[in-house]
């Protein structure tokens, strides 16, 4: 079960839909990116311009991103994940934030983006 969950909609266009992710606050994260149940990528750190697919092919599907963020910075327990989609009617960018209770802990961030 995720600690931080967000649900969004993204209107696709006729062109390529791309996804980017940034793990913030200097922390370390590992992400699993799926289109419905099909894994597109599993990666550590940030993700830049991952091709999700052409708009008409991905319309009606859900982009699911699950990121486990580990507190590796002694100066702060803050965590954030910034998500960006491009190639649709207009770009979508949003950030999920939270704070871990203890030094060295982790949080699970989850985003579900319906491609409409």
Protein backbone atom coordinates (compact mmCIF):
# COMPACT_ATOMS: atom_id res chain seq x y z
CA UNK A 1 0.00 0.00 0.00
CA UNK A 2 1.31 3.43 -0.94
CA UNK A 3 2.00 6.18 1.60
CA UNK A 4 1.24 8.98 -0.91
CA UNK A 5 -1.23 8.39 -3.77
CA UNK A 6 -2.45 10.78 -6.44
CA UNK A 7 -4.90 10.23 -9.30
CA UNK A 8 -4.88 12.47 -12.39
CA UNK A 9 -6.25 12.62 -15.94
CA UNK A 10 -4.18 13.52 -19.00
CA UNK A 11 -5.69 14.36 -22.39
CA UNK A 12 -3.55 12.80 -25.10
CA UNK A 13 -3.21 14.12 -28.64
CA UNK A 14 -2.27 12.51 -31.95
CA UNK A 15 1.49 12.52 -31.27
CA UNK A 16 3.91 10.76 -28.96
CA UNK A 17 3.23 10.85 -25.21
CA UNK A 18 6.36 11.05 -23.06
CA UNK A 19 6.82 10.73 -19.29
CA UNK A 20 9.50 12.13 -16.98
CA UNK A 21 10.04 11.76 -13.22
CA UNK A 22 12.33 13.54 -10.76
CA UNK A 23 13.05 12.29 -7.24
CA UNK A 24 13.61 15.48 -5.24
CA UNK A 25 15.17 16.74 -2.03
CA UNK A 26 18.43 14.91 -2.89
CA UNK A 27 16.89 11.57 -1.89
CA UNK A 28 17.20 8.23 -3.70
CA UNK A 29 14.29 6.50 -5.40
CA UNK A 30 13.45 3.46 -7.50
CA UNK A 31 10.44 3.52 -9.82
CA UNK A 32 8.28 1.02 -11.63
CA UNK A 33 6.32 2.49 -14.58
CA UNK A 34 3.43 0.54 -16.10
CA UNK A 35 0.85 1.15 -18.79
CA UNK A 36 -2.13 -0.72 -17.36
CA UNK A 37 -0.32 -3.92 -16.31
CA UNK A 38 2.51 -3.84 -18.90
CA UNK A 39 5.84 -2.72 -17.41
CA UNK A 40 7.44 0.05 -19.45
CA UNK A 41 10.46 0.62 -17.21
CA UNK A 42 12.00 -0.09 -13.83
CA UNK A 43 14.71 2.42 -12.96
CA UNK A 44 16.67 4.01 -10.14
CA UNK A 45 16.85 7.80 -9.88
CA UNK A 46 15.17 10.19 -12.27
CA UNK A 47 13.52 9.24 -15.58
CA UNK A 48 13.71 11.49 -18.63
CA UNK A 49 11.45 11.43 -21.69
CA UNK A 50 10.24 7.83 -21.52
CA UNK A 51 8.09 7.08 -24.56
CA UNK A 52 4.68 5.91 -23.32
CA UNK A 53 3.29 5.55 -26.86
CA UNK A 54 1.34 7.38 -29.53
CA UNK A 55 -1.76 9.18 -28.28
CA UNK A 56 -4.39 7.10 -30.11
CA UNK A 57 -2.69 3.84 -28.98
CA UNK A 58 -2.54 4.75 -25.28
CA UNK A 59 -5.89 6.56 -25.01
CA UNK A 60 -8.15 4.81 -22.50
CA UNK A 61 -5.24 3.25 -20.61
CA UNK A 62 -3.76 4.16 -17.22
CA UNK A 63 -0.14 5.07 -16.58
CA UNK A 64 0.80 3.70 -13.14
CA UNK A 65 3.97 4.87 -11.41
CA UNK A 66 5.17 3.48 -8.09
CA UNK A 67 8.31 5.00 -6.55
CA UNK A 68 9.99 3.92 -3.32
CA UNK A 69 11.98 6.88 -1.96
CA UNK A 70 14.70 6.23 0.63
CA UNK A 71 15.87 8.91 3.05
CA UNK A 72 19.60 9.15 2.31
CA UNK A 73 20.17 12.83 3.17
CA UNK A 74 20.99 13.46 6.83
CA UNK A 75 20.03 17.15 6.64
CA UNK A 76 16.34 16.53 5.86
CA UNK A 77 13.61 13.91 6.02
CA UNK A 78 11.60 15.62 3.27
CA UNK A 79 10.78 13.68 0.12
CA UNK A 80 9.18 14.58 -3.20
CA UNK A 81 8.48 13.08 -6.60
CA UNK A 82 7.72 15.31 -9.60
CA UNK A 83 5.86 13.82 -12.56
CA UNK A 84 5.63 15.29 -16.07
CA UNK A 85 3.69 14.19 -19.15
CA UNK A 86 4.11 15.84 -22.54
CA UNK A 87 2.81 15.35 -26.07
CA UNK A 88 -0.87 15.76 -25.28
CA UNK A 89 -3.22 18.71 -25.48
CA UNK A 90 -0.94 20.47 -22.98
CA UNK A 91 1.85 19.37 -20.64
CA UNK A 92 0.98 18.09 -17.17
CA UNK A 93 3.38 18.53 -14.26
CA UNK A 94 2.71 17.92 -10.57
CA UNK A 95 4.65 17.09 -7.40
CA UNK A 96 3.82 14.77 -4.50
CA UNK A 97 5.51 15.58 -1.17
CA UNK A 98 5.78 14.06 2.28
CA UNK A 99 8.20 13.65 5.18
CA UNK A 100 9.51 10.39 6.59
CA UNK A 101 9.22 10.03 10.38
CA UNK A 102 12.73 8.76 11.08
CA UNK A 103 16.18 9.06 9.59
CA UNK A 104 16.85 6.38 6.97
CA UNK A 105 13.17 5.54 6.46
CA UNK A 106 11.30 5.27 3.18
CA UNK A 107 7.97 6.20 1.63
CA UNK A 108 6.07 4.74 -1.29
CA UNK A 109 4.70 7.30 -3.78
CA UNK A 110 2.10 6.19 -6.31
CA UNK A 111 0.54 8.06 -9.25
CA UNK A 112 -2.26 6.77 -11.45
CA UNK A 113 -2.78 8.83 -14.59
CA UNK A 114 -5.76 8.05 -16.79
CA UNK A 115 -4.93 8.79 -20.44
CA UNK A 116 -8.07 10.25 -21.98
